[in-house]
Amino acid sequence: MTGKGGNNLGLLTAVALLIVVLAFFVPPIPQDPAYHLFADIRTFADVPHFGDVISSLALTLAGLIGLGGVTGARSQTLFEQPGDGLAYRVFFLAVAVIGLGSGYYHWQPTTERLFWDRLPMSVAFMAFFAAFWADRVNRNAGSLWVLAVAIAFGVASLVYWRWSESAGQGDLRPYGLVQFGPMLILPLICRLNPEHRYTDGWYLAATALVYGLAILCARLDHQIFVITGGGISGHSLKHLIAAAACLIPLAMLHAATAKNAAGESGEQIQLQITL
């Protein structure tokens, strides 16, 4: 799929640049120290902040499941060309590492450790974006330089944030672009470039909604902890829901494979009837 909508490249680039420019009209956003004050601070089996640490492993599990589903023999049934699966492999590998980085951070929540939680997250966001670009806009560009440039920008946003914090002028704006920018641009990509093989707008919406629910749970960390009588905190619940969100792209790929196979079978039957 080369993406016949490639003539929308100029418009998509202009929109992306506009989002970047508008972001810098917002004042610098430092890391809020209160962010590290999570509801569940209980220690269990000598593991501090046990709930948040152990629930982080759900992301690692989701990443490994996804990675297993897009590599080896399975990838041959999912992807038309081997290179089509690269962005998805990077995405699921990053998700698996997110769980480890999150566990490391929650063991002792500090701004310094938060960097290692967010770094693989930036890679996952950018790989997900590149997967849609490759399918909808341009296969070769999306699978190669768009993926590389997007990941480089994601990593740079975290390096810049860490530097800005050490300089006493923390600025999360670039990372905010990495986290939320794709969700602003991807619906436009789907709208302007309807032809696709792997990606589906409904699955994109489902991913965004479930991930949004995870973010909401994190915002209600203390309230959920109180409501559940200390059973689970909002942030721990966020990890579990975010892990579920990360598996939706795998479901999308399997649905696309079934749909494409059915379409190809239908074409073959039609051809036989015609002959």
C-alpha atoms as a PDB file:
ATOM      1  CA  MET A   1       0.000   0.000   0.000  1.00  0.00           C
ATOM      2  CA  THR A   2       1.769   3.119  -1.191  1.00  0.00           C
ATOM      3  CA  GLY A   3      -1.025   5.430  -0.188  1.00  0.00           C
ATOM      4  CA  LYS A   4      -2.761   7.190  -3.079  1.00  0.00           C
ATOM      5  CA  GLY A   5      -3.514   9.955  -0.627  1.00  0.00           C
ATOM      6  CA  GLY A   6       0.153  10.919  -0.764  1.00  0.00           C
ATOM      7  CA  ASN A   7      -0.841  14.130  -2.530  1.00  0.00           C
ATOM      8  CA  ASN A   8      -2.115  15.248   0.887  1.00  0.00           C
ATOM      9  CA  LEU A   9       1.438  15.193   2.205  1.00  0.00           C
ATOM     10  CA  GLY A  10       1.695  18.979   2.075  1.00  0.00           C
ATOM     11  CA  LEU A  11      -1.530  19.463   4.009  1.00  0.00           C
ATOM     12  CA  LEU A  12      -0.607  16.885   6.647  1.00  0.00           C
ATOM     13  CA  THR A  13       2.834  18.425   7.066  1.00  0.00           C
ATOM     14  CA  ALA A  14       1.301  21.894   7.385  1.00  0.00           C
ATOM     15  CA  VAL A  15      -1.138  20.691  10.049  1.00  0.00           C
ATOM     16  CA  ALA A  16       1.667  19.008  11.985  1.00  0.00           C
ATOM     17  CA  LEU A  17       3.778  22.160  11.877  1.00  0.00           C
ATOM     18  CA  LEU A  18       0.785  24.246  12.954  1.00  0.00           C
ATOM     19  CA  ILE A  19       0.249  22.015  15.989  1.00  0.00           C
ATOM     20  CA  VAL A  20       3.925  22.374  16.899  1.00  0.00           C
ATOM     21  CA  VAL A  21       3.826  26.162  16.538  1.00  0.00           C
ATOM     22  CA  LEU A  22       0.635  26.472  18.580  1.00  0.00           C
ATOM     23  CA  ALA A  23       2.144  24.328  21.335  1.00  0.00           C
ATOM     24  CA  PHE A  24       4.906  26.866  21.820  1.00  0.00           C
ATOM     25  CA  PHE A  25       2.397  29.644  22.394  1.00  0.00           C
ATOM     26  CA  VAL A  26       1.718  27.813  25.656  1.00  0.00           C
ATOM     27  CA  PRO A  27       4.080  28.784  28.498  1.00  0.00           C
ATOM     28  CA  PRO A  28       6.709  26.186  29.482  1.00  0.00           C
ATOM     29  CA  ILE A  29       5.241  23.375  31.561  1.00  0.00           C
ATOM     30  CA  PRO A  30       7.512  22.145  34.381  1.00  0.00           C
ATOM     31  CA  GLN A  31       7.065  18.800  36.074  1.00  0.00           C
ATOM     32  CA  ASP A  32       4.673  19.136  38.999  1.00  0.00           C
ATOM     33  CA  PRO A  33       6.386  17.698  42.120  1.00  0.00           C
ATOM     34  CA  ALA A  34       2.961  16.611  43.373  1.00  0.00           C
ATOM     35  CA  TYR A  35       2.796  14.175  40.459  1.00  0.00           C
ATOM     36  CA  HIS A  36       4.946  11.760  42.470  1.00  0.00           C
ATOM     37  CA  LEU A  37       2.513  11.685  45.420  1.00  0.00           C
ATOM     38  CA  PHE A  38       0.565   8.558  44.529  1.00  0.00           C
ATOM     39  CA  ALA A  39      -2.322   7.199  46.565  1.00  0.00           C
ATOM     40  CA  ASP A  40      -1.094   3.645  47.128  1.00  0.00           C
ATOM     41  CA  ILE A  41       2.205   3.785  49.015  1.00  0.00           C
ATOM     42  CA  ARG A  42       1.899   0.376  50.650  1.00  0.00           C
ATOM     43  CA  THR A  43       4.865  -2.020  50.770  1.00  0.00           C
ATOM     44  CA  PHE A  44       4.378  -5.722  50.200  1.00  0.00           C
ATOM     45  CA  ALA A  45       7.071  -8.427  50.063  1.00  0.00           C
ATOM     46  CA  ASP A  46       9.660  -5.687  50.515  1.00  0.00           C
ATOM     47  CA  VAL A  47       8.432  -3.988  47.324  1.00  0.00           C
ATOM     48  CA  PRO A  48       7.593  -0.312  47.955  1.00  0.00           C
ATOM     49  CA  HIS A  49       4.549   1.119  46.192  1.00  0.00           C
ATOM     50  CA  PHE A  50       3.658  -2.480  45.418  1.00  0.00           C
ATOM     51  CA  GLY A  51       0.364  -1.788  43.639  1.00  0.00           C
ATOM     52  CA  ASP A  52       1.843   0.599  41.112  1.00  0.00           C
ATOM     53  CA  VAL A  53       5.027  -1.442  40.630  1.00  0.00           C
ATOM     54  CA  ILE A  54       3.332  -4.787  40.068  1.00  0.00           C
ATOM     55  CA  SER A  55       0.561  -3.374  37.858  1.00  0.00           C
ATOM     56  CA  SER A  56       3.257  -1.910  35.585  1.00  0.00           C
ATOM     57  CA  LEU A  57       4.131  -5.463  34.573  1.00  0.00           C
ATOM     58  CA  ALA A  58       0.778  -5.668  32.769  1.00  0.00           C
ATOM     59  CA  LEU A  59       2.294  -3.370  30.160  1.00  0.00           C
ATOM     60  CA  THR A  60       5.323  -5.619  29.780  1.00  0.00           C
ATOM     61  CA  LEU A  61       3.021  -8.617  29.363  1.00  0.00           C
ATOM     62  CA  ALA A  62       0.918  -6.775  26.768  1.00  0.00           C
ATOM     63  CA  GLY A  63       4.057  -5.752  24.887  1.00  0.00           C
ATOM     64  CA  LEU A  64       5.398  -9.307  24.833  1.00  0.00           C
ATOM     65  CA  ILE A  65       2.057 -10.677  23.654  1.00  0.00           C
ATOM     66  CA  GLY A  66       1.929  -8.086  20.904  1.00  0.00           C
ATOM     67  CA  LEU A  67       5.547  -8.652  19.930  1.00  0.00           C
ATOM     68  CA  GLY A  68       4.960 -12.378  19.709  1.00  0.00           C
ATOM     69  CA  GLY A  69       1.979 -11.708  17.481  1.00  0.00           C
ATOM     70  CA  VAL A  70       3.876  -9.617  14.916  1.00  0.00           C
ATOM     71  CA  THR A  71       7.143 -11.560  14.672  1.00  0.00           C
ATOM     72  CA  GLY A  72       8.191 -14.927  13.301  1.00  0.00           C
ATOM     73  CA  ALA A  73       5.755 -17.117  11.399  1.00  0.00           C
ATOM     74  CA  ARG A  74       2.755 -15.138  12.589  1.00  0.00           C
ATOM     75  CA  SER A  75       3.991 -11.989  10.859  1.00  0.00           C
ATOM     76  CA  GLN A  76       3.853 -13.745   7.494  1.00  0.00           C
ATOM     77  CA  THR A  77       0.083 -14.039   7.747  1.00  0.00           C
ATOM     78  CA  LEU A  78      -0.397 -10.476   9.000  1.00  0.00           C
ATOM     79  CA  PHE A  79       1.794  -8.450   6.647  1.00  0.00           C
ATOM     80  CA  GLU A  80       1.901  -8.294   2.882  1.00  0.00           C
ATOM     81  CA  GLN A  81       5.585  -7.332   2.958  1.00  0.00           C
ATOM     82  CA  PRO A  82       8.115  -7.972   5.767  1.00  0.00           C
ATOM     83  CA  GLY A  83       8.844  -4.266   6.196  1.00  0.00           C
ATOM     84  CA  ASP A  84       5.184  -3.528   6.893  1.00  0.00           C
ATOM     85  CA  GLY A  85       5.518  -4.980  10.377  1.00  0.00           C
ATOM     86  CA  LEU A  86       8.544  -2.961  11.501  1.00  0.00           C
ATOM     87  CA  ALA A  87       6.620  -0.103  13.127  1.00  0.00           C
ATOM     88  CA  TYR A  88       4.394  -2.576  14.983  1.00  0.00           C
ATOM     89  CA  ARG A  89       7.390  -4.544  16.247  1.00  0.00           C
ATOM     90  CA  VAL A  90       8.978  -1.339  17.519  1.00  0.00           C
ATOM     91  CA  PHE A  91       5.667  -0.343  19.111  1.00  0.00           C
ATOM     92  CA  PHE A  92       5.183  -3.585  21.035  1.00  0.00           C
ATOM     93  CA  LEU A  93       8.839  -3.770  22.053  1.00  0.00           C
ATOM     94  CA  ALA A  94       8.554  -0.237  23.433  1.00  0.00           C
ATOM     95  CA  VAL A  95       5.365  -1.186  25.312  1.00  0.00           C
ATOM     96  CA  ALA A  96       7.193  -4.095  26.929  1.00  0.00           C
ATOM     97  CA  VAL A  97       9.980  -1.757  28.031  1.00  0.00           C
ATOM     98  CA  ILE A  98       7.427   0.772  29.320  1.00  0.00           C
ATOM     99  CA  GLY A  99       6.378  -1.758  31.944  1.00  0.00           C
ATOM    100  CA  LEU A 100       9.960  -2.106  33.148  1.00  0.00           C
ATOM    101  CA  GLY A 101      10.562   1.647  33.132  1.00  0.00           C
ATOM    102  CA  SER A 102       7.298   2.265  34.949  1.00  0.00           C
ATOM    103  CA  GLY A 103       8.140  -0.315  37.600  1.00  0.00           C
ATOM    104  CA  TYR A 104      11.576   1.241  38.061  1.00  0.00           C
ATOM    105  CA  TYR A 105      10.021   4.681  38.466  1.00  0.00           C
ATOM    106  CA  HIS A 106       7.272   3.627  40.859  1.00  0.00           C
ATOM    107  CA  TRP A 107       9.732   1.766  43.081  1.00  0.00           C
ATOM    108  CA  GLN A 108      11.035   5.186  44.078  1.00  0.00           C
ATOM    109  CA  PRO A 109       9.055   7.966  42.367  1.00  0.00           C
ATOM    110  CA  THR A 110      11.323  10.885  41.440  1.00  0.00           C
ATOM    111  CA  THR A 111      11.620  13.188  38.464  1.00  0.00           C
ATOM    112  CA  GLU A 112      14.973  11.589  37.605  1.00  0.00           C
ATOM    113  CA  ARG A 113      13.414   8.103  37.425  1.00  0.00           C
ATOM    114  CA  LEU A 114      10.348   9.376  35.575  1.00  0.00           C
ATOM    115  CA  PHE A 115      12.576   9.930  32.548  1.00  0.00           C
ATOM    116  CA  TRP A 116      12.986   6.151  32.163  1.00  0.00           C
ATOM    117  CA  ASP A 117       9.230   5.661  32.378  1.00  0.00           C
ATOM    118  CA  ARG A 118       8.462   8.211  29.687  1.00  0.00           C
ATOM    119  CA  LEU A 119      11.321   7.433  27.292  1.00  0.00           C
ATOM    120  CA  PRO A 120       9.894   4.130  25.969  1.00  0.00           C
ATOM    121  CA  MET A 121       6.438   5.725  25.978  1.00  0.00           C
ATOM    122  CA  SER A 122       7.658   8.329  23.496  1.00  0.00           C
ATOM    123  CA  VAL A 123       8.994   5.552  21.244  1.00  0.00           C
ATOM    124  CA  ALA A 124       5.669   3.702  21.384  1.00  0.00           C
ATOM    125  CA  PHE A 125       3.639   6.817  20.522  1.00  0.00           C
ATOM    126  CA  MET A 126       5.865   7.590  17.546  1.00  0.00           C
ATOM    127  CA  ALA A 127       5.939   4.004  16.250  1.00  0.00           C
ATOM    128  CA  PHE A 128       2.133   3.889  16.377  1.00  0.00           C
ATOM    129  CA  PHE A 129       2.009   7.122  14.385  1.00  0.00           C
ATOM    130  CA  ALA A 130       4.487   5.797  11.800  1.00  0.00           C
ATOM    131  CA  ALA A 131       2.442   2.607  11.336  1.00  0.00           C
ATOM    132  CA  PHE A 132      -0.594   4.627  10.259  1.00  0.00           C
ATOM    133  CA  TRP A 133       1.531   6.889   8.057  1.00  0.00           C
ATOM    134  CA  ALA A 134       3.047   3.885   6.282  1.00  0.00           C
ATOM    135  CA  ASP A 135      -0.353   2.338   5.625  1.00  0.00           C
ATOM    136  CA  ARG A 136      -2.280   5.456   4.711  1.00  0.00           C
ATOM    137  CA  VAL A 137       0.210   7.898   3.194  1.00  0.00           C
ATOM    138  CA  ASN A 138       3.368   6.224   1.946  1.00  0.00           C
ATOM    139  CA  ARG A 139       4.556   2.699   2.709  1.00  0.00           C
ATOM    140  CA  ASN A 140       8.275   3.155   2.109  1.00  0.00           C
ATOM    141  CA  ALA A 141       8.551   6.534   3.816  1.00  0.00           C
ATOM    142  CA  GLY A 142       6.455   5.484   6.801  1.00  0.00           C
ATOM    143  CA  SER A 143       8.367   2.266   7.350  1.00  0.00           C
ATOM    144  CA  LEU A 144      11.759   3.935   7.129  1.00  0.00           C
ATOM    145  CA  TRP A 145      12.469   7.613   7.571  1.00  0.00           C
ATOM    146  CA  VAL A 146       9.142   8.680   9.114  1.00  0.00           C
ATOM    147  CA  LEU A 147       9.568   5.970  11.750  1.00  0.00           C
ATOM    148  CA  ALA A 148      13.192   6.973  12.378  1.00  0.00           C
ATOM    149  CA  VAL A 149      12.538  10.717  12.475  1.00  0.00           C
ATOM    150  CA  ALA A 150       9.444  10.353  14.658  1.00  0.00           C
ATOM    151  CA  ILE A 151      11.284   8.186  17.187  1.00  0.00           C
ATOM    152  CA  ALA A 152      14.224  10.595  17.172  1.00  0.00           C
ATOM    153  CA  PHE A 153      11.834  13.466  17.896  1.00  0.00           C
ATOM    154  CA  GLY A 154      10.202  11.490  20.699  1.00  0.00           C
ATOM    155  CA  VAL A 155      13.522  10.692  22.344  1.00  0.00           C
ATOM    156  CA  ALA A 156      14.719  14.274  21.864  1.00  0.00           C
ATOM    157  CA  SER A 157      11.578  15.592  23.587  1.00  0.00           C
ATOM    158  CA  LEU A 158      12.488  13.599  26.713  1.00  0.00           C
ATOM    159  CA  VAL A 159      16.163  14.557  26.589  1.00  0.00           C
ATOM    160  CA  TYR A 160      15.143  18.200  26.270  1.00  0.00           C
ATOM    161  CA  TRP A 161      12.689  17.872  29.163  1.00  0.00           C
ATOM    162  CA  ARG A 162      15.308  16.257  31.376  1.00  0.00           C
ATOM    163  CA  TRP A 163      17.825  18.973  30.505  1.00  0.00           C
ATOM    164  CA  SER A 164      15.283  21.724  31.143  1.00  0.00           C
ATOM    165  CA  GLU A 165      14.468  20.258  34.566  1.00  0.00           C
ATOM    166  CA  SER A 166      18.150  20.137  35.517  1.00  0.00           C
ATOM    167  CA  ALA A 167      18.473  23.756  34.387  1.00  0.00           C
ATOM    168  CA  GLY A 168      15.622  24.737  36.706  1.00  0.00           C
ATOM    169  CA  GLN A 169      13.214  25.584  33.873  1.00  0.00           C
ATOM    170  CA  GLY A 170      11.338  22.370  33.207  1.00  0.00           C
ATOM    171  CA  ASP A 171       9.427  22.211  29.953  1.00  0.00           C
ATOM    172  CA  LEU A 172       7.117  19.330  29.038  1.00  0.00           C
ATOM    173  CA  ARG A 173       5.692  20.932  25.890  1.00  0.00           C
ATOM    174  CA  PRO A 174       7.650  18.802  23.376  1.00  0.00           C
ATOM    175  CA  TYR A 175       6.743  15.628  25.238  1.00  0.00           C
ATOM    176  CA  GLY A 176       3.119  16.768  25.281  1.00  0.00           C
ATOM    177  CA  LEU A 177       3.315  16.964  21.478  1.00  0.00           C
ATOM    178  CA  VAL A 178       4.675  13.423  21.355  1.00  0.00           C
ATOM    179  CA  GLN A 179       1.924  12.076  23.610  1.00  0.00           C
ATOM    180  CA  PHE A 180      -1.090  13.899  22.235  1.00  0.00           C
ATOM    181  CA  GLY A 181      -0.005  15.160  18.792  1.00  0.00           C
ATOM    182  CA  PRO A 182      -0.533  11.819  17.019  1.00  0.00           C
ATOM    183  CA  MET A 183      -4.096  11.588  18.293  1.00  0.00           C
ATOM    184  CA  LEU A 184      -4.768  14.963  16.654  1.00  0.00           C
ATOM    185  CA  ILE A 185      -3.144  14.117  13.328  1.00  0.00           C
ATOM    186  CA  LEU A 186      -4.096  10.450  12.898  1.00  0.00           C
ATOM    187  CA  PRO A 187      -7.853  11.052  12.448  1.00  0.00           C
ATOM    188  CA  LEU A 188      -6.994  13.563   9.723  1.00  0.00           C
ATOM    189  CA  ILE A 189      -4.701  11.022   8.047  1.00  0.00           C
ATOM    190  CA  CYS A 190      -7.531   8.481   8.066  1.00  0.00           C
ATOM    191  CA  ARG A 191      -9.964  11.042   6.682  1.00  0.00           C
ATOM    192  CA  LEU A 192      -7.728  12.279   3.880  1.00  0.00           C
ATOM    193  CA  ASN A 193      -6.343   8.859   2.977  1.00  0.00           C
ATOM    194  CA  PRO A 194      -9.188   6.334   3.214  1.00  0.00           C
ATOM    195  CA  GLU A 195      -7.370   3.535   1.366  1.00  0.00           C
ATOM    196  CA  HIS A 196      -5.702   1.167   3.791  1.00  0.00           C
ATOM    197  CA  ARG A 197      -4.679  -2.414   4.364  1.00  0.00           C
ATOM    198  CA  TYR A 198      -3.842  -2.673   8.068  1.00  0.00           C
ATOM    199  CA  THR A 199      -5.167   0.364   9.905  1.00  0.00           C
ATOM    200  CA  ASP A 200      -8.761   1.089  10.799  1.00  0.00           C
ATOM    201  CA  GLY A 201     -10.286   4.320  12.056  1.00  0.00           C
ATOM    202  CA  TRP A 202     -12.621   2.518  14.443  1.00  0.00           C
ATOM    203  CA  TYR A 203      -9.749   0.701  16.099  1.00  0.00           C
ATOM    204  CA  LEU A 204      -7.887   3.998  16.315  1.00  0.00           C
ATOM    205  CA  ALA A 205     -10.904   5.519  18.072  1.00  0.00           C
ATOM    206  CA  ALA A 206     -11.118   2.531  20.420  1.00  0.00           C
ATOM    207  CA  THR A 207      -7.426   2.834  21.268  1.00  0.00           C
ATOM    208  CA  ALA A 208      -7.790   6.553  21.954  1.00  0.00           C
ATOM    209  CA  LEU A 209     -10.900   6.049  24.113  1.00  0.00           C
ATOM    210  CA  VAL A 210      -9.410   3.247  26.211  1.00  0.00           C
ATOM    211  CA  TYR A 211      -6.139   5.131  26.649  1.00  0.00           C
ATOM    212  CA  GLY A 212      -8.138   8.232  27.556  1.00  0.00           C
ATOM    213  CA  LEU A 213      -9.918   6.184  30.220  1.00  0.00           C
ATOM    214  CA  ALA A 214      -6.520   5.136  31.552  1.00  0.00           C
ATOM    215  CA  ILE A 215      -5.430   8.778  31.769  1.00  0.00           C
ATOM    216  CA  LEU A 216      -8.669   9.641  33.571  1.00  0.00           C
ATOM    217  CA  CYS A 217      -8.038   6.900  36.133  1.00  0.00           C
ATOM    218  CA  ALA A 218      -4.569   8.317  36.746  1.00  0.00           C
ATOM    219  CA  ARG A 219      -6.112  11.743  37.327  1.00  0.00           C
ATOM    220  CA  LEU A 220      -8.507  10.188  39.850  1.00  0.00           C
ATOM    221  CA  ASP A 221      -5.762   8.198  41.555  1.00  0.00           C
ATOM    222  CA  HIS A 222      -6.659   9.114  45.151  1.00  0.00           C
ATOM    223  CA  GLN A 223     -10.434   9.173  44.603  1.00  0.00           C
ATOM    224  CA  ILE A 224     -10.472   5.661  43.141  1.00  0.00           C
ATOM    225  CA  PHE A 225      -8.270   4.416  45.972  1.00  0.00           C
ATOM    226  CA  VAL A 226     -10.813   5.744  48.482  1.00  0.00           C
ATOM    227  CA  ILE A 227     -13.844   4.461  46.538  1.00  0.00           C
ATOM    228  CA  THR A 228     -12.389   0.944  46.343  1.00  0.00           C
ATOM    229  CA  GLY A 229     -11.577   0.971  50.046  1.00  0.00           C
ATOM    230  CA  GLY A 230      -7.866   0.753  49.315  1.00  0.00           C
ATOM    231  CA  GLY A 231      -8.357  -2.155  46.945  1.00  0.00           C
ATOM    232  CA  ILE A 232      -6.725  -0.486  43.967  1.00  0.00           C
ATOM    233  CA  SER A 233      -5.583   3.021  43.176  1.00  0.00           C
ATOM    234  CA  GLY A 234      -6.425   4.991  40.078  1.00  0.00           C
ATOM    235  CA  HIS A 235      -2.825   4.881  38.889  1.00  0.00           C
ATOM    236  CA  SER A 236      -2.583   1.114  39.225  1.00  0.00           C
ATOM    237  CA  LEU A 237      -5.851   0.852  37.328  1.00  0.00           C
ATOM    238  CA  LYS A 238      -4.357   3.127  34.683  1.00  0.00           C
ATOM    239  CA  HIS A 239      -1.572   0.612  34.062  1.00  0.00           C
ATOM    240  CA  LEU A 240      -4.050  -2.224  33.556  1.00  0.00           C
ATOM    241  CA  ILE A 241      -6.306  -0.240  31.217  1.00  0.00           C
ATOM    242  CA  ALA A 242      -3.354   1.163  29.260  1.00  0.00           C
ATOM    243  CA  ALA A 243      -2.096  -2.410  28.773  1.00  0.00           C
ATOM    244  CA  ALA A 244      -5.477  -3.311  27.285  1.00  0.00           C
ATOM    245  CA  ALA A 245      -5.296  -0.272  24.999  1.00  0.00           C
ATOM    246  CA  CYS A 246      -1.894  -1.413  23.737  1.00  0.00           C
ATOM    247  CA  LEU A 247      -3.352  -4.729  22.577  1.00  0.00           C
ATOM    248  CA  ILE A 248      -6.048  -3.105  20.426  1.00  0.00           C
ATOM    249  CA  PRO A 249      -3.602  -2.577  17.510  1.00  0.00           C
ATOM    250  CA  LEU A 250      -2.932  -6.327  17.516  1.00  0.00           C
ATOM    251  CA  ALA A 251      -6.669  -6.987  17.290  1.00  0.00           C
ATOM    252  CA  MET A 252      -6.796  -4.432  14.459  1.00  0.00           C
ATOM    253  CA  LEU A 253      -4.134  -6.325  12.515  1.00  0.00           C
ATOM    254  CA  HIS A 254      -5.937  -9.643  12.921  1.00  0.00           C
ATOM    255  CA  ALA A 255      -9.220  -8.067  11.809  1.00  0.00           C
ATOM    256  CA  ALA A 256      -7.485  -6.556   8.787  1.00  0.00           C
ATOM    257  CA  THR A 257      -5.967  -9.930   7.887  1.00  0.00           C
ATOM    258  CA  ALA A 258      -9.362 -11.624   8.020  1.00  0.00           C
ATOM    259  CA  LYS A 259     -10.955  -8.839   5.974  1.00  0.00           C
ATOM    260  CA  ASN A 260      -8.225  -8.857   3.346  1.00  0.00           C
ATOM    261  CA  ALA A 261      -8.345 -12.649   3.082  1.00  0.00           C
ATOM    262  CA  ALA A 262     -12.116 -12.553   2.615  1.00  0.00           C
ATOM    263  CA  GLY A 263     -11.758  -9.850  -0.027  1.00  0.00           C
ATOM    264  CA  GLU A 264      -9.128 -11.793  -1.938  1.00  0.00           C
ATOM    265  CA  SER A 265     -11.264 -14.952  -1.804  1.00  0.00           C
ATOM    266  CA  GLY A 266     -14.223 -12.988  -3.129  1.00  0.00           C
ATOM    267  CA  GLU A 267     -12.141 -11.646  -6.001  1.00  0.00           C
ATOM    268  CA  GLN A 268     -10.964 -15.124  -6.901  1.00  0.00           C
ATOM    269  CA  ILE A 269     -14.542 -16.452  -6.921  1.00  0.00           C
ATOM    270  CA  GLN A 270     -15.661 -13.535  -9.061  1.00  0.00           C
ATOM    271  CA  LEU A 271     -12.805 -14.155 -11.471  1.00  0.00           C
ATOM    272  CA  GLN A 272     -13.727 -17.835 -11.774  1.00  0.00           C
ATOM    273  CA  ILE A 273     -17.354 -16.937 -12.470  1.00  0.00           C
ATOM    274  CA  THR A 274     -16.274 -14.446 -15.117  1.00  0.00           C
ATOM    275  CA  LEU A 275     -14.032 -16.997 -16.804  1.00  0.00           C
END
